[in-house]
Amino acid sequence: MPYATDGVAFSLEMLGWGLFLSIAALFVASAFGRDRLQRAIRWLFITFGILSLLSVVGYATESPLISLGFIAWGPVLSAILILLTILFYAAQNTKDWIP
């Protein structure tokens, strides 16, 4: 089966969504933190990164930790996107905005 848990396609997806995206989220978290909104975005990125990494560990050990990825990739990522939209919209109306 091409999309079984022991298949190549699922393994590549876990590498992309689980490992690489979580590392990227942990690194980008340091770019935010000036005000309250940015601190919330920073902590959401950190939460996303940790939950995604735990999901990869769950996949590698075949434990229930794999379900943490669905929390990270669903509600946490949605919250990050909403807050980033608010931040960029607010920045667009100030002099800090760089087109």
PDB file of N, CA and C in Angstrom:
ATOM      1  N   MET A   1       0.849  -1.175   0.000  1.00  0.00           N
ATOM      2  CA  MET A   1       0.000   0.000   0.000  1.00  0.00           C
ATOM      3  C   MET A   1       0.893   1.237   0.000  1.00  0.00           C
ATOM      4  N   PRO A   2       0.620   2.168  -0.879  1.00  0.00           N
ATOM      5  CA  PRO A   2       1.507   3.322  -1.000  1.00  0.00           C
ATOM      6  C   PRO A   2       1.440   4.272   0.196  1.00  0.00           C
ATOM      7  N   TYR A   3       0.352   4.252   0.943  1.00  0.00           N
ATOM      8  CA  TYR A   3       0.229   5.206   2.043  1.00  0.00           C
ATOM      9  C   TYR A   3       0.071   4.509   3.388  1.00  0.00           C
ATOM     10  N   ALA A   4       0.607   3.328   3.533  1.00  0.00           N
ATOM     11  CA  ALA A   4       0.591   2.631   4.813  1.00  0.00           C
ATOM     12  C   ALA A   4       1.625   3.270   5.740  1.00  0.00           C
ATOM     13  N   THR A   5       1.491   3.020   7.025  1.00  0.00           N
ATOM     14  CA  THR A   5       2.404   3.648   7.986  1.00  0.00           C
ATOM     15  C   THR A   5       3.843   3.176   7.819  1.00  0.00           C
ATOM     16  N   ASP A   6       4.043   2.058   7.164  1.00  0.00           N
ATOM     17  CA  ASP A   6       5.411   1.603   6.914  1.00  0.00           C
ATOM     18  C   ASP A   6       5.833   1.847   5.456  1.00  0.00           C
ATOM     19  N   GLY A   7       5.084   2.696   4.751  1.00  0.00           N
ATOM     20  CA  GLY A   7       5.377   2.986   3.354  1.00  0.00           C
ATOM     21  C   GLY A   7       6.297   4.179   3.185  1.00  0.00           C
ATOM     22  N   VAL A   8       6.835   4.300   1.993  1.00  0.00           N
ATOM     23  CA  VAL A   8       7.767   5.385   1.681  1.00  0.00           C
ATOM     24  C   VAL A   8       7.062   6.734   1.661  1.00  0.00           C
ATOM     25  N   ALA A   9       5.871   6.800   1.087  1.00  0.00           N
ATOM     26  CA  ALA A   9       5.157   8.080   0.976  1.00  0.00           C
ATOM     27  C   ALA A   9       4.836   8.651   2.360  1.00  0.00           C
ATOM     28  N   PHE A  10       4.393   7.806   3.263  1.00  0.00           N
ATOM     29  CA  PHE A  10       4.073   8.280   4.608  1.00  0.00           C
ATOM     30  C   PHE A  10       5.344   8.683   5.355  1.00  0.00           C
ATOM     31  N   SER A  11       6.420   7.951   5.142  1.00  0.00           N
ATOM     32  CA  SER A  11       7.690   8.306   5.781  1.00  0.00           C
ATOM     33  C   SER A  11       8.184   9.665   5.307  1.00  0.00           C
ATOM     34  N   LEU A  12       8.066   9.922   4.003  1.00  0.00           N
ATOM     35  CA  LEU A  12       8.474  11.225   3.479  1.00  0.00           C
ATOM     36  C   LEU A  12       7.595  12.343   4.017  1.00  0.00           C
ATOM     37  N   GLU A  13       6.311  12.076   4.169  1.00  0.00           N
ATOM     38  CA  GLU A  13       5.423  13.084   4.730  1.00  0.00           C
ATOM     39  C   GLU A  13       5.774  13.378   6.191  1.00  0.00           C
ATOM     40  N   MET A  14       6.114  12.337   6.933  1.00  0.00           N
ATOM     41  CA  MET A  14       6.512  12.549   8.329  1.00  0.00           C
ATOM     42  C   MET A  14       7.825  13.325   8.413  1.00  0.00           C
ATOM     43  N   LEU A  15       8.726  13.092   7.479  1.00  0.00           N
ATOM     44  CA  LEU A  15       9.958  13.883   7.465  1.00  0.00           C
ATOM     45  C   LEU A  15       9.657  15.345   7.173  1.00  0.00           C
ATOM     46  N   GLY A  16       8.800  15.592   6.190  1.00  0.00           N
ATOM     47  CA  GLY A  16       8.486  16.971   5.812  1.00  0.00           C
ATOM     48  C   GLY A  16       7.682  17.708   6.855  1.00  0.00           C
ATOM     49  N   TRP A  17       6.516  17.150   7.216  1.00  0.00           N
ATOM     50  CA  TRP A  17       5.628  17.811   8.168  1.00  0.00           C
ATOM     51  C   TRP A  17       6.136  17.671   9.592  1.00  0.00           C
ATOM     52  N   GLY A  18       6.731  16.562   9.910  1.00  0.00           N
ATOM     53  CA  GLY A  18       7.141  16.315  11.283  1.00  0.00           C
ATOM     54  C   GLY A  18       8.494  16.881  11.631  1.00  0.00           C
ATOM     55  N   LEU A  19       9.513  16.465  10.909  1.00  0.00           N
ATOM     56  CA  LEU A  19      10.872  16.834  11.285  1.00  0.00           C
ATOM     57  C   LEU A  19      11.280  18.205  10.749  1.00  0.00           C
ATOM     58  N   PHE A  20      11.243  18.372   9.444  1.00  0.00           N
ATOM     59  CA  PHE A  20      11.778  19.602   8.851  1.00  0.00           C
ATOM     60  C   PHE A  20      10.942  20.837   9.201  1.00  0.00           C
ATOM     61  N   LEU A  21       9.629  20.707   9.158  1.00  0.00           N
ATOM     62  CA  LEU A  21       8.776  21.859   9.479  1.00  0.00           C
ATOM     63  C   LEU A  21       8.878  22.221  10.961  1.00  0.00           C
ATOM     64  N   SER A  22       9.044  21.221  11.830  1.00  0.00           N
ATOM     65  CA  SER A  22       9.170  21.525  13.250  1.00  0.00           C
ATOM     66  C   SER A  22      10.487  22.233  13.551  1.00  0.00           C
ATOM     67  N   ILE A  23      11.552  21.815  12.904  1.00  0.00           N
ATOM     68  CA  ILE A  23      12.835  22.504  13.086  1.00  0.00           C
ATOM     69  C   ILE A  23      12.746  23.938  12.571  1.00  0.00           C
ATOM     70  N   ALA A  24      12.104  24.118  11.424  1.00  0.00           N
ATOM     71  CA  ALA A  24      11.926  25.469  10.880  1.00  0.00           C
ATOM     72  C   ALA A  24      11.095  26.335  11.824  1.00  0.00           C
ATOM     73  N   ALA A  25      10.044  25.765  12.406  1.00  0.00           N
ATOM     74  CA  ALA A  25       9.193  26.526  13.333  1.00  0.00           C
ATOM     75  C   ALA A  25       9.967  26.928  14.584  1.00  0.00           C
ATOM     76  N   LEU A  26      10.801  26.048  15.090  1.00  0.00           N
ATOM     77  CA  LEU A  26      11.583  26.390  16.277  1.00  0.00           C
ATOM     78  C   LEU A  26      12.593  27.492  15.982  1.00  0.00           C
ATOM     79  N   PHE A  27      13.163  27.495  14.792  1.00  0.00           N
ATOM     80  CA  PHE A  27      14.099  28.562  14.442  1.00  0.00           C
ATOM     81  C   PHE A  27      13.390  29.888  14.184  1.00  0.00           C
ATOM     82  N   VAL A  28      12.239  29.858  13.526  1.00  0.00           N
ATOM     83  CA  VAL A  28      11.538  31.107  13.207  1.00  0.00           C
ATOM     84  C   VAL A  28      10.893  31.717  14.452  1.00  0.00           C
ATOM     85  N   ALA A  29      10.711  30.935  15.491  1.00  0.00           N
ATOM     86  CA  ALA A  29      10.110  31.458  16.725  1.00  0.00           C
ATOM     87  C   ALA A  29      10.933  32.597  17.319  1.00  0.00           C
ATOM     88  N   SER A  30      12.238  32.554  17.117  1.00  0.00           N
ATOM     89  CA  SER A  30      13.087  33.614  17.680  1.00  0.00           C
ATOM     90  C   SER A  30      12.919  34.951  16.970  1.00  0.00           C
ATOM     91  N   ALA A  31      12.253  34.977  15.835  1.00  0.00           N
ATOM     92  CA  ALA A  31      12.048  36.230  15.104  1.00  0.00           C
ATOM     93  C   ALA A  31      10.915  37.064  15.680  1.00  0.00           C
ATOM     94  N   PHE A  32      10.131  36.501  16.574  1.00  0.00           N
ATOM     95  CA  PHE A  32       8.974  37.194  17.123  1.00  0.00           C
ATOM     96  C   PHE A  32       9.182  37.420  18.622  1.00  0.00           C
ATOM     97  N   GLY A  33       8.611  38.510  19.132  1.00  0.00           N
ATOM     98  CA  GLY A  33       8.681  38.713  20.565  1.00  0.00           C
ATOM     99  C   GLY A  33       8.662  40.144  21.042  1.00  0.00           C
ATOM    100  N   ARG A  34       8.401  41.100  20.165  1.00  0.00           N
ATOM    101  CA  ARG A  34       8.422  42.499  20.606  1.00  0.00           C
ATOM    102  C   ARG A  34       7.220  42.871  21.455  1.00  0.00           C
ATOM    103  N   ASP A  35       6.037  42.499  21.037  1.00  0.00           N
ATOM    104  CA  ASP A  35       4.830  42.864  21.772  1.00  0.00           C
ATOM    105  C   ASP A  35       4.043  41.598  22.121  1.00  0.00           C
ATOM    106  N   ARG A  36       2.868  41.809  22.669  1.00  0.00           N
ATOM    107  CA  ARG A  36       2.051  40.691  23.153  1.00  0.00           C
ATOM    108  C   ARG A  36       1.646  39.737  22.024  1.00  0.00           C
ATOM    109  N   LEU A  37       1.260  40.278  20.890  1.00  0.00           N
ATOM    110  CA  LEU A  37       0.860  39.451  19.756  1.00  0.00           C
ATOM    111  C   LEU A  37       2.035  38.615  19.252  1.00  0.00           C
ATOM    112  N   GLN A  38       3.187  39.221  19.146  1.00  0.00           N
ATOM    113  CA  GLN A  38       4.355  38.489  18.669  1.00  0.00           C
ATOM    114  C   GLN A  38       4.811  37.435  19.668  1.00  0.00           C
ATOM    115  N   ARG A  39       4.670  37.710  20.954  1.00  0.00           N
ATOM    116  CA  ARG A  39       5.011  36.681  21.946  1.00  0.00           C
ATOM    117  C   ARG A  39       4.063  35.491  21.851  1.00  0.00           C
ATOM    118  N   ALA A  40       2.803  35.751  21.562  1.00  0.00           N
ATOM    119  CA  ALA A  40       1.844  34.659  21.371  1.00  0.00           C
ATOM    120  C   ALA A  40       2.220  33.837  20.144  1.00  0.00           C
ATOM    121  N   ILE A  41       2.625  34.516  19.073  1.00  0.00           N
ATOM    122  CA  ILE A  41       3.055  33.813  17.865  1.00  0.00           C
ATOM    123  C   ILE A  41       4.302  32.986  18.155  1.00  0.00           C
ATOM    124  N   ARG A  42       5.231  33.566  18.913  1.00  0.00           N
ATOM    125  CA  ARG A  42       6.455  32.827  19.260  1.00  0.00           C
ATOM    126  C   ARG A  42       6.127  31.547  20.005  1.00  0.00           C
ATOM    127  N   TRP A  43       5.256  31.620  21.009  1.00  0.00           N
ATOM    128  CA  TRP A  43       4.930  30.431  21.790  1.00  0.00           C
ATOM    129  C   TRP A  43       4.128  29.421  20.994  1.00  0.00           C
ATOM    130  N   LEU A  44       3.345  29.885  20.056  1.00  0.00           N
ATOM    131  CA  LEU A  44       2.639  28.944  19.186  1.00  0.00           C
ATOM    132  C   LEU A  44       3.611  28.224  18.254  1.00  0.00           C
ATOM    133  N   PHE A  45       4.614  28.933  17.745  1.00  0.00           N
ATOM    134  CA  PHE A  45       5.627  28.273  16.929  1.00  0.00           C
ATOM    135  C   PHE A  45       6.415  27.248  17.753  1.00  0.00           C
ATOM    136  N   ILE A  46       6.745  27.588  18.981  1.00  0.00           N
ATOM    137  CA  ILE A  46       7.461  26.649  19.844  1.00  0.00           C
ATOM    138  C   ILE A  46       6.591  25.433  20.142  1.00  0.00           C
ATOM    139  N   THR A  47       5.320  25.659  20.435  1.00  0.00           N
ATOM    140  CA  THR A  47       4.393  24.553  20.676  1.00  0.00           C
ATOM    141  C   THR A  47       4.274  23.672  19.442  1.00  0.00           C
ATOM    142  N   PHE A  48       4.145  24.303  18.288  1.00  0.00           N
ATOM    143  CA  PHE A  48       4.055  23.563  17.031  1.00  0.00           C
ATOM    144  C   PHE A  48       5.296  22.700  16.825  1.00  0.00           C
ATOM    145  N   GLY A  49       6.461  23.282  17.036  1.00  0.00           N
ATOM    146  CA  GLY A  49       7.709  22.550  16.829  1.00  0.00           C
ATOM    147  C   GLY A  49       7.854  21.365  17.759  1.00  0.00           C
ATOM    148  N   ILE A  50       7.511  21.556  19.024  1.00  0.00           N
ATOM    149  CA  ILE A  50       7.638  20.464  19.993  1.00  0.00           C
ATOM    150  C   ILE A  50       6.646  19.352  19.701  1.00  0.00           C
ATOM    151  N   LEU A  51       5.395  19.711  19.426  1.00  0.00           N
ATOM    152  CA  LEU A  51       4.393  18.684  19.128  1.00  0.00           C
ATOM    153  C   LEU A  51       4.732  17.923  17.847  1.00  0.00           C
ATOM    154  N   SER A  52       5.241  18.607  16.857  1.00  0.00           N
ATOM    155  CA  SER A  52       5.620  17.941  15.613  1.00  0.00           C
ATOM    156  C   SER A  52       6.803  16.997  15.817  1.00  0.00           C
ATOM    157  N   LEU A  53       7.793  17.443  16.601  1.00  0.00           N
ATOM    158  CA  LEU A  53       8.923  16.564  16.887  1.00  0.00           C
ATOM    159  C   LEU A  53       8.493  15.336  17.680  1.00  0.00           C
ATOM    160  N   LEU A  54       7.599  15.527  18.635  1.00  0.00           N
ATOM    161  CA  LEU A  54       7.089  14.380  19.390  1.00  0.00           C
ATOM    162  C   LEU A  54       6.309  13.431  18.491  1.00  0.00           C
ATOM    163  N   SER A  55       5.655  13.973  17.487  1.00  0.00           N
ATOM    164  CA  SER A  55       4.936  13.132  16.538  1.00  0.00           C
ATOM    165  C   SER A  55       5.908  12.258  15.735  1.00  0.00           C
ATOM    166  N   VAL A  56       7.049  12.823  15.360  1.00  0.00           N
ATOM    167  CA  VAL A  56       8.061  12.041  14.645  1.00  0.00           C
ATOM    168  C   VAL A  56       8.605  10.931  15.542  1.00  0.00           C
ATOM    169  N   VAL A  57       8.833  11.253  16.802  1.00  0.00           N
ATOM    170  CA  VAL A  57       9.278  10.233  17.753  1.00  0.00           C
ATOM    171  C   VAL A  57       8.219   9.139  17.883  1.00  0.00           C
ATOM    172  N   GLY A  58       6.958   9.542  17.929  1.00  0.00           N
ATOM    173  CA  GLY A  58       5.872   8.570  17.993  1.00  0.00           C
ATOM    174  C   GLY A  58       5.805   7.693  16.769  1.00  0.00           C
ATOM    175  N   TYR A  59       6.079   8.276  15.609  1.00  0.00           N
ATOM    176  CA  TYR A  59       6.090   7.489  14.375  1.00  0.00           C
ATOM    177  C   TYR A  59       7.248   6.496  14.393  1.00  0.00           C
ATOM    178  N   ALA A  60       8.422   6.946  14.832  1.00  0.00           N
ATOM    179  CA  ALA A  60       9.598   6.077  14.839  1.00  0.00           C
ATOM    180  C   ALA A  60       9.463   4.946  15.857  1.00  0.00           C
ATOM    181  N   THR A  61       8.795   5.204  16.973  1.00  0.00           N
ATOM    182  CA  THR A  61       8.656   4.188  18.014  1.00  0.00           C
ATOM    183  C   THR A  61       7.309   3.476  17.974  1.00  0.00           C
ATOM    184  N   GLU A  62       6.470   3.852  17.015  1.00  0.00           N
ATOM    185  CA  GLU A  62       5.133   3.278  16.873  1.00  0.00           C
ATOM    186  C   GLU A  62       4.327   3.397  18.169  1.00  0.00           C
ATOM    187  N   SER A  63       4.348   4.606  18.730  1.00  0.00           N
ATOM    188  CA  SER A  63       3.609   4.880  19.960  1.00  0.00           C
ATOM    189  C   SER A  63       2.478   5.868  19.668  1.00  0.00           C
ATOM    190  N   PRO A  64       1.579   6.053  20.626  1.00  0.00           N
ATOM    191  CA  PRO A  64       0.473   6.996  20.418  1.00  0.00           C
ATOM    192  C   PRO A  64       0.893   8.459  20.311  1.00  0.00           C
ATOM    193  N   LEU A  65       2.158   8.763  20.510  1.00  0.00           N
ATOM    194  CA  LEU A  65       2.623  10.152  20.373  1.00  0.00           C
ATOM    195  C   LEU A  65       2.393  10.696  18.969  1.00  0.00           C
ATOM    196  N   ILE A  66       2.219   9.822  18.006  1.00  0.00           N
ATOM    197  CA  ILE A  66       2.011  10.252  16.622  1.00  0.00           C
ATOM    198  C   ILE A  66       0.770  11.138  16.489  1.00  0.00           C
ATOM    199  N   SER A  67      -0.203  10.947  17.372  1.00  0.00           N
ATOM    200  CA  SER A  67      -1.426  11.753  17.306  1.00  0.00           C
ATOM    201  C   SER A  67      -1.192  13.215  17.681  1.00  0.00           C
ATOM    202  N   LEU A  68      -0.077  13.521  18.347  1.00  0.00           N
ATOM    203  CA  LEU A  68       0.225  14.918  18.676  1.00  0.00           C
ATOM    204  C   LEU A  68       0.465  15.753  17.414  1.00  0.00           C
ATOM    205  N   GLY A  69       0.900  15.107  16.363  1.00  0.00           N
ATOM    206  CA  GLY A  69       1.114  15.821  15.108  1.00  0.00           C
ATOM    207  C   GLY A  69      -0.162  16.397  14.550  1.00  0.00           C
ATOM    208  N   PHE A  70      -1.251  15.692  14.717  1.00  0.00           N
ATOM    209  CA  PHE A  70      -2.521  16.193  14.193  1.00  0.00           C
ATOM    210  C   PHE A  70      -3.012  17.410  14.982  1.00  0.00           C
ATOM    211  N   ILE A  71      -2.648  17.491  16.246  1.00  0.00           N
ATOM    212  CA  ILE A  71      -2.962  18.695  17.030  1.00  0.00           C
ATOM    213  C   ILE A  71      -2.101  19.858  16.530  1.00  0.00           C
ATOM    214  N   ALA A  72      -0.829  19.579  16.284  1.00  0.00           N
ATOM    215  CA  ALA A  72       0.077  20.634  15.808  1.00  0.00           C
ATOM    216  C   ALA A  72      -0.309  21.110  14.422  1.00  0.00           C
ATOM    217  N   TRP A  73      -0.604  20.178  13.525  1.00  0.00           N
ATOM    218  CA  TRP A  73      -0.854  20.532  12.131  1.00  0.00           C
ATOM    219  C   TRP A  73      -2.268  21.035  11.900  1.00  0.00           C
ATOM    220  N   GLY A  74      -3.124  20.908  12.885  1.00  0.00           N
ATOM    221  CA  GLY A  74      -4.500  21.380  12.758  1.00  0.00           C
ATOM    222  C   GLY A  74      -4.709  22.681  13.509  1.00  0.00           C
ATOM    223  N   PRO A  75      -5.137  22.599  14.786  1.00  0.00           N
ATOM    224  CA  PRO A  75      -5.479  23.820  15.530  1.00  0.00           C
ATOM    225  C   PRO A  75      -4.301  24.762  15.784  1.00  0.00           C
ATOM    226  N   VAL A  76      -3.128  24.220  16.099  1.00  0.00           N
ATOM    227  CA  VAL A  76      -1.998  25.108  16.405  1.00  0.00           C
ATOM    228  C   VAL A  76      -1.548  25.850  15.148  1.00  0.00           C
ATOM    229  N   LEU A  77      -1.425  25.150  14.038  1.00  0.00           N
ATOM    230  CA  LEU A  77      -1.026  25.811  12.795  1.00  0.00           C
ATOM    231  C   LEU A  77      -2.081  26.816  12.333  1.00  0.00           C
ATOM    232  N   SER A  78      -3.350  26.502  12.535  1.00  0.00           N
ATOM    233  CA  SER A  78      -4.414  27.452  12.184  1.00  0.00           C
ATOM    234  C   SER A  78      -4.319  28.716  13.026  1.00  0.00           C
ATOM    235  N   ALA A  79      -4.041  28.563  14.316  1.00  0.00           N
ATOM    236  CA  ALA A  79      -3.893  29.727  15.195  1.00  0.00           C
ATOM    237  C   ALA A  79      -2.692  30.574  14.784  1.00  0.00           C
ATOM    238  N   ILE A  80      -1.593  29.918  14.410  1.00  0.00           N
ATOM    239  CA  ILE A  80      -0.416  30.654  13.939  1.00  0.00           C
ATOM    240  C   ILE A  80      -0.761  31.472  12.701  1.00  0.00           C
ATOM    241  N   LEU A  81      -1.453  30.854  11.767  1.00  0.00           N
ATOM    242  CA  LEU A  81      -1.792  31.563  10.528  1.00  0.00           C
ATOM    243  C   LEU A  81      -2.728  32.737  10.778  1.00  0.00           C
ATOM    244  N   ILE A  82      -3.685  32.580  11.671  1.00  0.00           N
ATOM    245  CA  ILE A  82      -4.606  33.676  11.993  1.00  0.00           C
ATOM    246  C   ILE A  82      -3.859  34.833  12.652  1.00  0.00           C
ATOM    247  N   LEU A  83      -2.996  34.522  13.619  1.00  0.00           N
ATOM    248  CA  LEU A  83      -2.255  35.584  14.303  1.00  0.00           C
ATOM    249  C   LEU A  83      -1.249  36.258  13.379  1.00  0.00           C
ATOM    250  N   LEU A  84      -0.626  35.491  12.473  1.00  0.00           N
ATOM    251  CA  LEU A  84       0.271  36.118  11.500  1.00  0.00           C
ATOM    252  C   LEU A  84      -0.483  37.038  10.552  1.00  0.00           C
ATOM    253  N   THR A  85      -1.690  36.659  10.184  1.00  0.00           N
ATOM    254  CA  THR A  85      -2.523  37.520   9.340  1.00  0.00           C
ATOM    255  C   THR A  85      -2.834  38.825  10.053  1.00  0.00           C
ATOM    256  N   ILE A  86      -3.180  38.750  11.321  1.00  0.00           N
ATOM    257  CA  ILE A  86      -3.450  39.956  12.109  1.00  0.00           C
ATOM    258  C   ILE A  86      -2.205  40.819  12.216  1.00  0.00           C
ATOM    259  N   LEU A  87      -1.060  40.183  12.485  1.00  0.00           N
ATOM    260  CA  LEU A  87       0.195  40.927  12.627  1.00  0.00           C
ATOM    261  C   LEU A  87       0.575  41.631  11.328  1.00  0.00           C
ATOM    262  N   PHE A  88       0.506  40.932  10.204  1.00  0.00           N
ATOM    263  CA  PHE A  88       0.886  41.542   8.934  1.00  0.00           C
ATOM    264  C   PHE A  88      -0.105  42.612   8.501  1.00  0.00           C
ATOM    265  N   TYR A  89      -1.375  42.421   8.789  1.00  0.00           N
ATOM    266  CA  TYR A  89      -2.367  43.444   8.457  1.00  0.00           C
ATOM    267  C   TYR A  89      -2.114  44.709   9.271  1.00  0.00           C
ATOM    268  N   ALA A  90      -1.805  44.551  10.562  1.00  0.00           N
ATOM    269  CA  ALA A  90      -1.525  45.709  11.411  1.00  0.00           C
ATOM    270  C   ALA A  90      -0.229  46.392  10.984  1.00  0.00           C
ATOM    271  N   ALA A  91       0.764  45.606  10.613  1.00  0.00           N
ATOM    272  CA  ALA A  91       2.042  46.188  10.195  1.00  0.00           C
ATOM    273  C   ALA A  91       1.919  46.921   8.866  1.00  0.00           C
ATOM    274  N   GLN A  92       0.991  46.511   8.043  1.00  0.00           N
ATOM    275  CA  GLN A  92       0.788  47.148   6.750  1.00  0.00           C
ATOM    276  C   GLN A  92       0.294  48.583   6.915  1.00  0.00           C
ATOM    277  N   ASN A  93      -0.376  48.852   8.009  1.00  0.00           N
ATOM    278  CA  ASN A  93      -0.928  50.179   8.249  1.00  0.00           C
ATOM    279  C   ASN A  93       0.007  51.084   9.066  1.00  0.00           C
ATOM    280  N   THR A  94       1.214  50.666   9.303  1.00  0.00           N
ATOM    281  CA  THR A  94       2.174  51.478  10.059  1.00  0.00           C
ATOM    282  C   THR A  94       3.394  51.761   9.196  1.00  0.00           C
ATOM    283  N   LYS A  95       4.308  52.528   9.742  1.00  0.00           N
ATOM    284  CA  LYS A  95       5.536  52.845   9.014  1.00  0.00           C
ATOM    285  C   LYS A  95       6.541  51.719   9.084  1.00  0.00           C
ATOM    286  N   ASP A  96       6.300  50.713   9.938  1.00  0.00           N
ATOM    287  CA  ASP A  96       7.233  49.590  10.058  1.00  0.00           C
ATOM    288  C   ASP A  96       7.121  48.626   8.893  1.00  0.00           C
ATOM    289  N   TRP A  97       6.089  48.787   8.084  1.00  0.00           N
ATOM    290  CA  TRP A  97       5.850  47.840   7.006  1.00  0.00           C
ATOM    291  C   TRP A  97       6.872  47.993   5.903  1.00  0.00           C
ATOM    292  N   ILE A  98       7.465  46.907   5.489  1.00  0.00           N
ATOM    293  CA  ILE A  98       8.426  46.912   4.377  1.00  0.00           C
ATOM    294  C   ILE A  98       7.799  46.142   3.242  1.00  0.00           C
ATOM    295  N   PRO A  99       7.451  46.799   2.146  1.00  0.00           N
ATOM    296  CA  PRO A  99       6.789  46.105   1.035  1.00  0.00           C
ATOM    297  C   PRO A  99       7.697  45.137   0.316  1.00  0.00           C
TER     298      PRO A  99
END
